[in-house]
Amino acid sequence: MNKQNRPVIVMGHKNPDTDSICAAITYANLKRKITGSDYIACRAGHLNEETQFVLSHFGVETPAYVKDVRTQVRDMEIRMLEGTDRNMSLKNAWSKMRDAGVVTLCVTEGDELTGIVTTNDIVETYMDVIDPKILSDAGTCYRNIVETLDGELIVGDIEDVLKKGKVVIAAANPDMMENVIEEGDVVILGNRYDMQLCAIEMNAGCIIVCEGADVAKTIQIQAREHGTKIITTPHDTFIVARLINQSMPIEHVMKKDGLVCFHMDDYIEDIQEVMAQMRHRYFPVLDKDDHYIGMISRRNFLGAKKKQLILVDHNEKNQAVNGADSAEILEIIDHHRLRTIETAGPVFFRNQPLGSTCTIIYLMYKEFQIEIDKTTAGLLMAAILSDTLMFRSPTCTNIDKNAGEELAQIAGVDYESFAKEMFHAGSNLSGKSAKEILHQDFKKFTVDDMTIGIGQINSMSAEELSEIKEKILPELGKVASDDGLDMLFFMLTNIIDEASEVVFAGSKAQHTINSAFGINVTGDSAILPGVVSRKKQLLPSIVETIQQ
């Protein structure tokens, strides 16, 4: 059975920003150092330009993209039973199943699955087929016949294959047998010299001499001349007649077409129905390249382990990766308002009113006395600078500022010039469509029964912001309806002026923004001096207005 070491996944929200990605990477690193267990940082969406700049600046790999954390076949206990050769005899296949305690074998060639054989297939062949030519029809190898009969081949090549003829028992006298034996037949007989000679002269393909009887030298010479093989076996005629059909290769009875297989990445809720409709109990599992891995049975469903998840920089269900509600959430580390995801059991939950999730993680490195290396310091610093708009946001606290400055020293970086480059990379959107720009740093919120989307772009250049505004304005309404939003707000934040221009769409958006900020705009944009934070300024004002 596979007891795979399954890593815990650490990930941020669906439209990850720099804080979300850096928090996942640095927290997974912290957990590995504290516990010695396996934690991996993943992402639930595509990286924006700013975050790509940060990762490449510090030489850090992009976390793997995981679009769904529902339980998969890879989370089940997979029976790692190796594939079986198509030439294996029914007898050996039966023994292999009995020893492994399974009722199905997967037949493979190299890593490729070619068929499935079940105990049922073997029993049906054994009970239902009364065909004396079945061994030659199946292309049975003499090695299988010798093994199945616990015998020895004393004349002929054991690697040859039985191509024609039937199986016949020499029970009558030679005169009678001359009419029964045809060229190529397999003749089961005893120690009578005249019967052996008769079978050879009739050009039998093989004679099987029972009860361990000696075979005369003259018979062996005659057999060689006629191209007849000789097998001796310790069993009597009855046992040999009963066993011989078990020597045929499983290829003859296996199912080759319409095989039901599952892949490691299949979600178990999708395959459950397929399994329920099938009569057989075991199913082959393949990897993404269709190579055979092992088998799963219906029973393995009961032991399927949910993926284990740590959420950083969010605690709302609609921002979490798809399938988060069917994963086992172990921890949540966040600095946003509480709209907490429901969890099956108690979790470690840390929420502090700080400017960045990475400030909380920085504090945890200190608390656990884990040394912060240069790369980790760079990532934590970049996230804090990004989320606090270089300490200008109202969400920024002294703790954030002190952390950012200390981390800049460890990383050996001048944070002001680094921030300028980072924000410039983030607002350089020349190659992007309006839809891509709107979704670059975008979050959905549910307030009462309304769904609101708020996006944001930060820049140190007023020109850049006005170019972006021109590009996105014509598309706002369409994006809002495509995303099923009642209102869409997009903040164009000027870091130097510490102000945002908010463009909006949705029938109640203009009224909402006017009421929220006590202004009276008539178009589809509003200048809000001093408003730079989505979390602490724009969202709370909008929520309060809607709830009134």
Protein backbone atom coordinates (compact mmCIF):
# COMPACT_ATOMS: atom_id res chain seq x y z
CA MET A 1 0.00 0.00 0.00
CA ASN A 2 1.27 3.50 -0.63
CA LYS A 3 1.72 5.64 2.44
CA GLN A 4 2.61 8.77 0.54
CA ASN A 5 3.99 11.61 2.58
CA ARG A 6 1.42 14.25 1.78
CA PRO A 7 2.59 17.83 2.18
CA VAL A 8 0.44 20.51 3.80
CA ILE A 9 -0.48 23.19 1.24
CA VAL A 10 0.02 26.84 2.25
CA MET A 11 -1.79 29.28 -0.01
CA GLY A 12 -3.30 32.73 -0.38
CA HIS A 13 -6.44 33.90 -2.17
CA LYS A 14 -7.63 33.48 -5.78
CA ASN A 15 -6.21 36.75 -7.19
CA PRO A 16 -2.93 36.65 -5.33
CA ASP A 17 -1.04 39.87 -4.62
CA THR A 18 2.54 40.18 -3.38
CA ASP A 19 1.55 39.82 0.30
CA SER A 20 -0.44 36.66 -0.44
CA ILE A 21 2.35 34.93 -2.42
CA CYS A 22 5.22 36.01 -0.13
CA ALA A 23 3.20 35.00 2.94
CA ALA A 24 2.64 31.49 1.50
CA ILE A 25 6.34 31.03 0.67
CA THR A 26 7.73 32.39 3.95
CA TYR A 27 5.13 30.69 6.17
CA ALA A 28 5.67 27.27 4.50
CA ASN A 29 9.40 27.79 5.16
CA LEU A 30 8.75 28.70 8.82
CA LYS A 31 6.50 25.64 9.36
CA ARG A 32 9.12 23.33 7.80
CA LYS A 33 11.78 24.70 10.14
CA ILE A 34 9.58 24.44 13.25
CA THR A 35 8.10 20.99 12.58
CA GLY A 36 10.50 19.23 10.18
CA SER A 37 7.41 18.17 8.20
CA ASP A 38 6.58 18.91 4.57
CA TYR A 39 4.82 22.21 3.81
CA ILE A 40 4.59 23.59 0.28
CA ALA A 41 3.61 27.06 -0.89
CA CYS A 42 1.06 27.07 -3.72
CA ARG A 43 -0.97 29.75 -5.50
CA ALA A 44 -4.66 29.79 -6.41
CA GLY A 45 -4.32 32.24 -9.32
CA HIS A 46 -1.90 33.91 -11.72
CA LEU A 47 0.88 36.21 -10.51
CA ASN A 48 0.63 39.90 -11.23
CA GLU A 49 3.57 41.88 -12.64
CA GLU A 50 4.55 43.30 -9.27
CA THR A 51 4.82 39.86 -7.64
CA GLN A 52 6.73 38.45 -10.62
CA PHE A 53 9.21 41.30 -10.24
CA VAL A 54 9.65 40.52 -6.51
CA LEU A 55 10.20 36.77 -7.03
CA SER A 56 12.68 37.21 -9.86
CA HIS A 57 14.51 40.01 -7.96
CA PHE A 58 15.16 37.62 -5.05
CA GLY A 59 15.62 34.54 -7.26
CA VAL A 60 12.66 32.62 -5.83
CA GLU A 61 10.68 30.03 -7.81
CA THR A 62 7.02 30.71 -8.51
CA PRO A 63 4.80 28.51 -6.30
CA ALA A 64 2.91 25.75 -8.10
CA TYR A 65 -0.58 26.61 -9.35
CA VAL A 66 -3.38 24.64 -7.68
CA LYS A 67 -6.84 25.43 -8.96
CA ASP A 68 -8.79 22.98 -6.80
CA VAL A 69 -8.10 21.30 -3.45
CA ARG A 70 -10.88 18.74 -3.48
CA THR A 71 -9.82 15.19 -2.57
CA GLN A 72 -8.20 13.35 -5.49
CA VAL A 73 -7.31 9.75 -6.32
CA ARG A 74 -3.74 10.57 -5.20
CA ASP A 75 -5.15 11.18 -1.68
CA MET A 76 -6.48 7.62 -1.52
CA GLU A 77 -4.55 4.55 -0.44
CA ILE A 78 -3.40 3.10 -3.75
CA ARG A 79 -2.62 -0.61 -3.97
CA MET A 80 0.85 -0.62 -5.53
CA LEU A 81 0.54 -4.07 -7.11
CA GLU A 82 2.89 -4.32 -10.05
CA GLY A 83 1.56 -4.98 -13.54
CA THR A 84 1.32 -8.56 -14.79
CA ASP A 85 2.76 -9.94 -18.04
CA ARG A 86 0.16 -10.94 -20.64
CA ASN A 87 1.83 -14.35 -21.03
CA MET A 88 1.39 -15.31 -17.36
CA SER A 89 -0.59 -18.55 -17.00
CA LEU A 90 -4.06 -18.58 -15.48
CA LYS A 91 -2.68 -20.75 -12.68
CA ASN A 92 0.05 -18.25 -11.76
CA ALA A 93 -2.37 -15.33 -12.08
CA TRP A 94 -4.76 -17.09 -9.71
CA SER A 95 -1.92 -17.68 -7.20
CA LYS A 96 -0.80 -14.05 -7.48
CA MET A 97 -4.34 -12.82 -6.73
CA ARG A 98 -4.70 -15.19 -3.79
CA ASP A 99 -1.33 -14.16 -2.28
CA ALA A 100 -2.11 -10.43 -2.71
CA GLY A 101 -5.72 -10.80 -1.51
CA VAL A 102 -7.16 -9.17 -4.65
CA VAL A 103 -9.66 -10.25 -7.30
CA THR A 104 -8.19 -8.24 -10.18
CA LEU A 105 -4.82 -8.02 -11.92
CA CYS A 106 -3.73 -5.25 -14.27
CA VAL A 107 -1.90 -6.51 -17.35
CA THR A 108 0.87 -4.22 -18.57
CA GLU A 109 3.50 -3.97 -21.24
CA GLY A 110 6.29 -1.76 -19.93
CA ASP A 111 4.34 0.98 -18.11
CA GLU A 112 1.32 0.79 -20.42
CA LEU A 113 -1.92 -0.82 -19.27
CA THR A 114 -3.08 -3.41 -21.85
CA GLY A 115 -5.85 -5.26 -20.01
CA ILE A 116 -7.53 -6.37 -16.81
CA VAL A 117 -8.13 -9.94 -15.67
CA THR A 118 -10.42 -10.86 -12.76
CA THR A 119 -11.00 -14.09 -10.83
CA ASN A 120 -14.37 -14.13 -12.58
CA ASP A 121 -12.73 -14.24 -16.03
CA ILE A 122 -10.61 -17.21 -14.94
CA VAL A 123 -13.53 -19.08 -13.40
CA GLU A 124 -15.74 -18.51 -16.45
CA THR A 125 -13.06 -19.86 -18.79
CA TYR A 126 -12.52 -22.85 -16.56
CA MET A 127 -16.18 -23.68 -16.05
CA ASP A 128 -17.80 -22.69 -19.35
CA VAL A 129 -15.27 -23.42 -22.09
CA ILE A 130 -15.13 -27.04 -23.25
CA ASP A 131 -12.90 -26.57 -26.28
CA PRO A 132 -10.03 -29.03 -26.78
CA LYS A 133 -8.29 -26.48 -29.09
CA ILE A 134 -8.33 -23.61 -26.55
CA LEU A 135 -4.60 -23.89 -25.73
CA SER A 136 -3.50 -23.51 -29.35
CA ASP A 137 -6.13 -20.80 -29.97
CA ALA A 138 -4.69 -18.91 -27.01
CA GLY A 139 -1.10 -19.28 -28.28
CA THR A 140 0.06 -20.98 -25.09
CA CYS A 141 3.81 -21.07 -24.47
CA TYR A 142 5.33 -24.47 -23.59
CA ARG A 143 7.03 -22.86 -20.59
CA ASN A 144 3.54 -22.26 -19.12
CA ILE A 145 2.48 -25.88 -19.75
CA VAL A 146 5.65 -27.24 -18.09
CA GLU A 147 5.24 -24.91 -15.07
CA THR A 148 1.54 -25.64 -14.65
CA LEU A 149 2.13 -29.42 -14.69
CA ASP A 150 5.23 -29.19 -12.40
CA GLY A 151 6.90 -31.02 -15.25
CA GLU A 152 10.13 -31.08 -17.23
CA LEU A 153 10.65 -30.65 -20.98
CA ILE A 154 13.09 -33.36 -22.07
CA VAL A 155 12.78 -32.86 -25.86
CA GLY A 156 12.14 -29.54 -27.62
CA ASP A 157 12.47 -25.78 -27.00
CA ILE A 158 10.62 -24.51 -23.93
CA GLU A 159 10.19 -21.04 -25.50
CA ASP A 160 8.12 -22.38 -28.42
CA VAL A 161 4.42 -21.58 -28.59
CA LEU A 162 1.59 -24.04 -29.24
CA LYS A 163 0.11 -22.85 -32.54
CA LYS A 164 -2.21 -25.67 -33.64
CA GLY A 165 -3.84 -28.89 -32.52
CA LYS A 166 -6.06 -30.04 -29.66
CA VAL A 167 -5.47 -31.72 -26.32
CA VAL A 168 -6.25 -35.44 -26.38
CA ILE A 169 -5.91 -38.26 -23.82
CA ALA A 170 -4.54 -41.51 -25.24
CA ALA A 171 -6.98 -43.83 -23.48
CA ALA A 172 -7.66 -46.34 -26.29
CA ASN A 173 -5.27 -48.77 -28.03
CA PRO A 174 -2.94 -47.55 -30.84
CA ASP A 175 -5.27 -48.66 -33.67
CA MET A 176 -8.08 -46.46 -32.30
CA MET A 177 -5.76 -43.56 -31.48
CA GLU A 178 -4.49 -43.37 -35.07
CA ASN A 179 -7.94 -42.02 -36.02
CA VAL A 180 -8.00 -39.52 -33.13
CA ILE A 181 -4.50 -37.98 -33.11
CA GLU A 182 -3.82 -35.26 -35.67
CA GLU A 183 -0.66 -33.33 -36.51
CA GLY A 184 0.26 -30.81 -33.83
CA ASP A 185 -1.93 -32.31 -31.07
CA VAL A 186 -0.91 -32.43 -27.41
CA VAL A 187 -1.29 -36.06 -26.28
CA ILE A 188 -1.56 -36.99 -22.61
CA LEU A 189 -0.47 -40.60 -22.02
CA GLY A 190 1.19 -43.07 -19.65
CA ASN A 191 4.31 -45.22 -19.82
CA ARG A 192 3.24 -47.47 -22.74
CA TYR A 193 5.99 -47.49 -25.36
CA ASP A 194 3.61 -48.37 -28.23
CA MET A 195 1.26 -45.45 -27.44
CA GLN A 196 4.16 -43.01 -27.22
CA LEU A 197 5.53 -44.23 -30.55
CA CYS A 198 2.09 -44.09 -32.20
CA ALA A 199 1.58 -40.42 -31.11
CA ILE A 200 5.03 -39.45 -32.42
CA GLU A 201 4.46 -41.19 -35.78
CA MET A 202 1.15 -39.30 -36.11
CA ASN A 203 3.27 -36.08 -35.78
CA ALA A 204 1.80 -34.96 -32.46
CA GLY A 205 3.13 -31.55 -31.40
CA CYS A 206 3.85 -32.77 -27.89
CA ILE A 207 3.43 -35.87 -25.73
CA ILE A 208 2.95 -35.51 -21.99
CA VAL A 209 4.13 -38.59 -20.09
CA CYS A 210 2.38 -38.89 -16.71
CA GLU A 211 3.32 -40.26 -13.27
CA GLY A 212 7.04 -39.48 -13.74
CA ALA A 213 7.55 -42.49 -16.03
CA ASP A 214 10.94 -42.85 -17.73
CA VAL A 215 11.02 -42.15 -21.44
CA ALA A 216 13.10 -44.57 -23.51
CA LYS A 217 16.09 -43.17 -25.46
CA THR A 218 14.62 -44.53 -28.72
CA ILE A 219 11.37 -42.60 -28.11
CA GLN A 220 13.39 -39.41 -27.48
CA ILE A 221 15.31 -39.92 -30.76
CA GLN A 222 12.07 -40.53 -32.69
CA ALA A 223 10.50 -37.43 -31.09
CA ARG A 224 13.41 -35.25 -32.21
CA GLU A 225 13.16 -36.56 -35.77
CA HIS A 226 9.40 -35.86 -35.92
CA GLY A 227 9.67 -32.46 -34.17
CA THR A 228 7.53 -33.71 -31.24
CA LYS A 229 8.16 -32.26 -27.78
CA ILE A 230 8.21 -34.51 -24.71
CA ILE A 231 7.13 -33.31 -21.26
CA THR A 232 7.26 -35.56 -18.20
CA THR A 233 5.12 -34.78 -15.14
CA PRO A 234 4.76 -36.43 -11.72
CA HIS A 235 0.93 -36.07 -11.88
CA ASP A 236 -1.48 -38.74 -13.09
CA THR A 237 -3.65 -38.43 -16.20
CA PHE A 238 -6.67 -37.06 -14.33
CA ILE A 239 -4.70 -34.25 -12.65
CA VAL A 240 -2.91 -33.34 -15.89
CA ALA A 241 -6.21 -33.18 -17.79
CA ARG A 242 -7.62 -30.95 -15.04
CA LEU A 243 -4.61 -28.63 -14.85
CA ILE A 244 -3.55 -28.23 -18.47
CA ASN A 245 -6.06 -25.50 -19.42
CA GLN A 246 -4.71 -23.39 -16.55
CA SER A 247 -1.49 -22.99 -18.55
CA MET A 248 -3.07 -20.69 -21.14
CA PRO A 249 -1.93 -17.04 -21.03
CA ILE A 250 -4.17 -14.51 -19.32
CA GLU A 251 -4.07 -12.44 -22.50
CA HIS A 252 -6.68 -14.90 -23.88
CA VAL A 253 -9.24 -14.15 -21.14
CA MET A 254 -8.45 -10.55 -20.15
CA LYS A 255 -10.60 -7.52 -21.00
CA LYS A 256 -8.79 -5.28 -23.47
CA ASP A 257 -11.42 -2.78 -24.61
CA GLY A 258 -13.38 -0.11 -22.78
CA LEU A 259 -11.24 -0.39 -19.63
CA VAL A 260 -12.37 1.90 -16.83
CA CYS A 261 -9.26 3.61 -15.42
CA PHE A 262 -8.74 6.57 -13.15
CA HIS A 263 -5.95 9.13 -13.08
CA MET A 264 -4.05 10.36 -10.03
CA ASP A 265 -5.50 13.86 -10.47
CA ASP A 266 -9.17 12.78 -10.82
CA TYR A 267 -11.44 14.13 -8.07
CA ILE A 268 -13.01 11.34 -6.08
CA GLU A 269 -16.48 12.88 -6.14
CA ASP A 270 -16.33 12.66 -9.95
CA ILE A 271 -15.32 8.98 -10.04
CA GLN A 272 -17.65 7.72 -7.32
CA GLU A 273 -20.61 7.41 -9.67
CA VAL A 274 -18.56 5.56 -12.30
CA MET A 275 -17.38 3.10 -9.65
CA ALA A 276 -20.91 2.52 -8.39
CA GLN A 277 -22.10 1.47 -11.86
CA MET A 278 -19.38 -1.14 -12.33
CA ARG A 279 -19.48 -4.71 -11.18
CA HIS A 280 -15.78 -5.11 -10.55
CA ARG A 281 -14.16 -4.01 -7.34
CA TYR A 282 -10.70 -2.85 -8.37
CA PHE A 283 -9.77 -0.14 -10.87
CA PRO A 284 -6.38 0.70 -12.40
CA VAL A 285 -4.80 4.08 -11.60
CA LEU A 286 -2.66 5.87 -14.20
CA ASP A 287 -0.45 8.94 -14.00
CA LYS A 288 -0.89 11.97 -16.26
CA ASP A 289 1.11 10.24 -19.03
CA ASP A 290 -1.19 7.18 -18.83
CA HIS A 291 1.46 5.01 -17.18
CA TYR A 292 0.19 2.34 -14.79
CA ILE A 293 0.68 3.14 -11.07
CA GLY A 294 -1.49 0.72 -9.08
CA MET A 295 -5.10 -0.05 -8.22
CA ILE A 296 -7.85 1.34 -6.04
CA SER A 297 -10.91 -0.45 -4.73
CA ARG A 298 -14.25 0.88 -3.60
CA ARG A 299 -13.11 0.30 -0.03
CA ASN A 300 -10.27 2.82 -0.48
CA PHE A 301 -12.88 5.58 -0.72
CA LEU A 302 -13.51 5.27 2.99
CA GLY A 303 -9.88 6.00 3.79
CA ALA A 304 -9.38 8.89 1.34
CA LYS A 305 -7.62 11.68 3.22
CA LYS A 306 -8.67 15.27 2.61
CA LYS A 307 -5.95 17.68 1.52
CA GLN A 308 -4.53 19.69 4.40
CA LEU A 309 -4.52 23.43 3.94
CA ILE A 310 -3.22 26.58 5.61
CA LEU A 311 -4.81 29.82 4.41
CA VAL A 312 -2.81 33.05 4.45
CA ASP A 313 -3.94 36.64 3.75
CA HIS A 314 -7.69 35.82 3.56
CA ASN A 315 -10.46 34.20 5.53
CA GLU A 316 -13.47 34.57 3.21
CA LYS A 317 -14.90 31.57 1.42
CA ASN A 318 -15.36 33.30 -1.95
CA GLN A 319 -11.69 34.36 -2.01
CA ALA A 320 -10.39 30.88 -1.16
CA VAL A 321 -9.16 28.31 -3.65
CA ASN A 322 -11.88 26.11 -5.20
CA GLY A 323 -12.72 23.12 -3.04
CA ALA A 324 -11.41 24.71 0.19
CA ASP A 325 -14.60 23.61 1.96
CA SER A 326 -13.80 19.95 1.23
CA ALA A 327 -10.20 20.25 2.48
CA GLU A 328 -9.02 20.06 6.07
CA ILE A 329 -8.09 23.63 7.04
CA LEU A 330 -5.40 23.58 9.74
CA GLU A 331 -4.55 27.26 10.16
CA ILE A 332 -5.53 30.74 9.02
CA ILE A 333 -3.06 33.66 9.20
CA ASP A 334 -4.62 36.96 8.15
CA HIS A 335 -4.99 40.72 8.68
CA HIS A 336 -8.43 41.32 7.11
CA ARG A 337 -11.92 41.66 8.54
CA LEU A 338 -13.43 38.39 9.77
CA ARG A 339 -15.72 36.56 7.37
CA THR A 340 -14.30 33.31 8.49
CA ILE A 341 -14.55 30.15 6.43
CA GLU A 342 -16.36 27.38 8.27
CA THR A 343 -14.01 24.63 9.42
CA ALA A 344 -14.78 21.06 10.47
CA GLY A 345 -12.73 21.32 13.66
CA PRO A 346 -10.91 23.97 15.69
CA VAL A 347 -8.00 25.60 13.85
CA PHE A 348 -5.03 27.76 14.73
CA PHE A 349 -6.27 31.22 13.77
CA ARG A 350 -4.14 34.35 13.96
CA ASN A 351 -5.58 37.66 12.89
CA GLN A 352 -3.93 40.97 13.72
CA PRO A 353 -4.82 44.49 12.58
CA LEU A 354 -1.50 45.05 10.80
CA GLY A 355 -0.68 46.39 7.35
CA SER A 356 0.45 43.06 5.91
CA THR A 357 0.14 39.33 6.57
CA CYS A 358 3.92 39.18 6.19
CA THR A 359 4.31 41.41 9.25
CA ILE A 360 2.47 38.73 11.28
CA ILE A 361 4.76 36.05 9.80
CA TYR A 362 7.82 38.20 10.59
CA LEU A 363 6.62 38.35 14.23
CA MET A 364 6.20 34.56 14.25
CA TYR A 365 9.79 34.04 13.04
CA LYS A 366 10.85 36.16 16.02
CA GLU A 367 8.59 34.32 18.48
CA PHE A 368 9.93 30.92 17.39
CA GLN A 369 13.49 32.31 17.27
CA ILE A 370 13.98 31.15 13.68
CA GLU A 371 16.72 33.05 11.85
CA ILE A 372 15.48 35.10 8.86
CA ASP A 373 17.82 34.61 5.88
CA LYS A 374 18.41 37.28 3.22
CA THR A 375 15.90 35.86 0.71
CA THR A 376 13.13 35.42 3.28
CA ALA A 377 13.81 38.95 4.57
CA GLY A 378 13.53 40.30 1.00
CA LEU A 379 10.17 38.59 0.41
CA LEU A 380 8.72 39.72 3.76
CA MET A 381 9.93 43.29 3.18
CA ALA A 382 8.52 43.43 -0.38
CA ALA A 383 5.11 42.25 0.85
CA ILE A 384 5.01 44.82 3.66
CA LEU A 385 6.04 47.65 1.29
CA SER A 386 3.41 46.50 -1.23
CA ASP A 387 0.52 46.19 1.22
CA THR A 388 1.31 49.42 3.14
CA LEU A 389 2.14 51.42 -0.03
CA MET A 390 5.63 52.04 1.32
CA PHE A 391 4.27 52.80 4.82
CA ARG A 392 1.80 55.43 3.49
CA SER A 393 -1.42 53.41 3.88
CA PRO A 394 -3.68 54.05 6.91
CA THR A 395 -3.45 50.29 7.57
CA CYS A 396 0.28 50.72 8.29
CA THR A 397 1.29 50.55 11.95
CA ASN A 398 4.60 51.21 13.69
CA ILE A 399 5.03 47.43 13.90
CA ASP A 400 4.83 47.22 10.07
CA LYS A 401 7.29 50.11 9.62
CA ASN A 402 9.82 48.73 12.10
CA ALA A 403 9.53 45.25 10.56
CA GLY A 404 9.98 46.61 7.01
CA GLU A 405 13.06 48.63 7.96
CA GLU A 406 14.69 45.75 9.86
CA LEU A 407 13.99 43.30 7.01
CA ALA A 408 15.45 45.75 4.46
CA GLN A 409 18.69 45.75 6.48
CA ILE A 410 18.82 41.93 6.63
CA ALA A 411 18.11 41.73 2.87
CA GLY A 412 20.71 44.42 2.15
CA VAL A 413 18.21 46.47 0.14
CA ASP A 414 17.46 50.22 -0.02
CA TYR A 415 13.72 49.92 0.44
CA GLU A 416 12.74 53.25 -1.16
CA SER A 417 14.43 52.57 -4.51
CA PHE A 418 13.26 48.94 -4.37
CA ALA A 419 9.64 50.05 -3.78
CA LYS A 420 9.80 52.45 -6.74
CA GLU A 421 10.96 49.64 -9.06
CA MET A 422 8.37 47.24 -7.63
CA PHE A 423 5.41 49.63 -8.00
CA HIS A 424 6.58 50.57 -11.49
CA ALA A 425 6.67 46.88 -12.50
CA GLY A 426 3.17 46.49 -11.05
CA SER A 427 1.66 49.37 -12.99
CA ASN A 428 3.41 48.59 -16.28
CA LEU A 429 0.47 46.93 -18.00
CA SER A 430 1.10 47.76 -21.64
CA GLY A 431 0.59 44.21 -22.89
CA LYS A 432 -2.53 43.48 -20.86
CA SER A 433 -6.21 43.66 -21.76
CA ALA A 434 -8.65 45.76 -19.71
CA LYS A 435 -10.11 42.55 -18.23
CA GLU A 436 -6.66 41.31 -17.16
CA ILE A 437 -5.82 44.68 -15.56
CA LEU A 438 -9.12 44.74 -13.64
CA HIS A 439 -8.52 41.23 -12.27
CA GLN A 440 -4.86 41.74 -11.43
CA ASP A 441 -5.45 42.69 -7.80
CA PHE A 442 -9.13 41.99 -7.35
CA LYS A 443 -11.32 40.74 -4.53
CA LYS A 444 -14.99 39.84 -4.27
CA PHE A 445 -16.97 40.64 -1.13
CA THR A 446 -20.48 39.70 -0.11
CA VAL A 447 -22.44 42.33 1.78
CA ASP A 448 -25.99 41.38 2.78
CA ASP A 449 -27.16 39.80 -0.49
CA MET A 450 -25.00 41.91 -2.78
CA THR A 451 -21.74 40.87 -4.45
CA ILE A 452 -19.15 43.61 -4.80
CA GLY A 453 -15.82 43.51 -6.61
CA ILE A 454 -12.98 45.87 -5.72
CA GLY A 455 -9.77 46.03 -7.74
CA GLN A 456 -6.73 48.23 -7.23
CA ILE A 457 -3.61 49.41 -9.07
CA ASN A 458 -0.89 51.35 -7.24
CA SER A 459 1.56 53.62 -9.05
CA MET A 460 3.96 56.43 -8.39
CA SER A 461 3.17 57.95 -11.80
CA ALA A 462 0.02 59.99 -12.54
CA GLU A 463 0.54 59.44 -16.28
CA GLU A 464 0.54 55.67 -15.92
CA LEU A 465 -2.69 55.83 -13.91
CA SER A 466 -4.48 57.96 -16.51
CA GLU A 467 -3.42 55.54 -19.30
CA ILE A 468 -4.81 52.63 -17.27
CA LYS A 469 -8.05 54.54 -16.62
CA GLU A 470 -8.56 55.12 -20.36
CA LYS A 471 -8.02 51.44 -21.05
CA ILE A 472 -10.37 50.01 -18.41
CA LEU A 473 -13.29 52.49 -18.38
CA PRO A 474 -15.04 51.15 -21.52
CA GLU A 475 -14.88 47.56 -20.17
CA LEU A 476 -16.05 48.10 -16.58
CA GLY A 477 -19.74 47.37 -17.18
CA LYS A 478 -19.06 44.18 -19.17
CA VAL A 479 -16.62 42.79 -16.58
CA ALA A 480 -19.11 43.53 -13.79
CA SER A 481 -21.89 41.58 -15.55
CA ASP A 482 -19.56 38.72 -16.60
CA ASP A 483 -18.43 38.32 -12.98
CA GLY A 484 -22.01 38.47 -11.67
CA LEU A 485 -21.29 41.62 -9.61
CA ASP A 486 -23.90 44.09 -8.40
CA MET A 487 -21.19 46.77 -8.17
CA LEU A 488 -17.59 47.04 -9.32
CA PHE A 489 -15.13 49.61 -7.96
CA PHE A 490 -11.57 50.01 -9.22
CA MET A 491 -9.02 52.10 -7.31
CA LEU A 492 -6.29 53.92 -9.26
CA THR A 493 -4.03 54.78 -6.33
CA ASN A 494 -1.30 57.40 -6.58
CA ILE A 495 1.24 56.49 -3.91
CA ILE A 496 3.03 59.87 -4.01
CA ASP A 497 -0.17 61.99 -3.74
CA GLU A 498 -1.71 59.51 -1.27
CA ALA A 499 -5.04 59.63 -3.13
CA SER A 500 -7.14 57.34 -5.33
CA GLU A 501 -9.39 57.88 -8.27
CA VAL A 502 -12.19 55.29 -8.11
CA VAL A 503 -13.97 54.24 -11.32
CA PHE A 504 -17.13 52.21 -10.92
CA ALA A 505 -19.94 50.28 -12.63
CA GLY A 506 -23.30 48.91 -11.48
CA SER A 507 -26.69 50.57 -11.08
CA LYS A 508 -26.20 51.55 -7.42
CA ALA A 509 -22.45 52.18 -7.53
CA GLN A 510 -22.60 55.98 -8.03
CA HIS A 511 -25.17 56.48 -5.26
CA THR A 512 -23.16 54.19 -2.94
CA ILE A 513 -19.84 56.00 -3.42
CA ASN A 514 -21.51 59.41 -3.03
CA SER A 515 -23.20 58.37 0.22
CA ALA A 516 -20.09 56.59 1.53
CA PHE A 517 -17.78 59.59 1.11
CA GLY A 518 -20.25 62.51 1.31
CA ILE A 519 -19.51 63.65 -2.24
CA ASN A 520 -21.65 64.35 -5.29
CA VAL A 521 -20.13 62.95 -8.48
CA THR A 522 -22.25 62.57 -11.61
CA GLY A 523 -19.95 60.56 -13.94
CA ASP A 524 -18.38 57.16 -13.46
CA SER A 525 -15.34 58.15 -11.43
CA ALA A 526 -14.57 59.91 -8.13
CA ILE A 527 -11.35 61.41 -6.77
CA LEU A 528 -10.89 60.44 -3.10
CA PRO A 529 -8.00 62.33 -1.42
CA GLY A 530 -6.33 60.41 1.38
CA VAL A 531 -8.03 57.12 0.40
CA VAL A 532 -5.38 54.52 -0.50
CA SER A 533 -6.52 51.36 1.30
CA ARG A 534 -9.16 49.04 -0.07
CA LYS A 535 -9.33 47.17 3.22
CA LYS A 536 -9.41 49.98 5.74
CA GLN A 537 -10.97 52.89 3.85
CA LEU A 538 -12.95 51.96 0.74
CA LEU A 539 -14.53 48.64 1.77
CA PRO A 540 -15.70 49.63 5.30
CA SER A 541 -17.36 52.84 3.98
CA ILE A 542 -19.15 50.93 1.21
CA VAL A 543 -20.26 48.13 3.58
CA GLU A 544 -21.64 50.64 6.06
CA THR A 545 -23.56 52.51 3.33
CA ILE A 546 -25.12 49.32 1.94
CA GLN A 547 -26.12 48.07 5.39
CA GLN A 548 -27.81 51.38 6.19
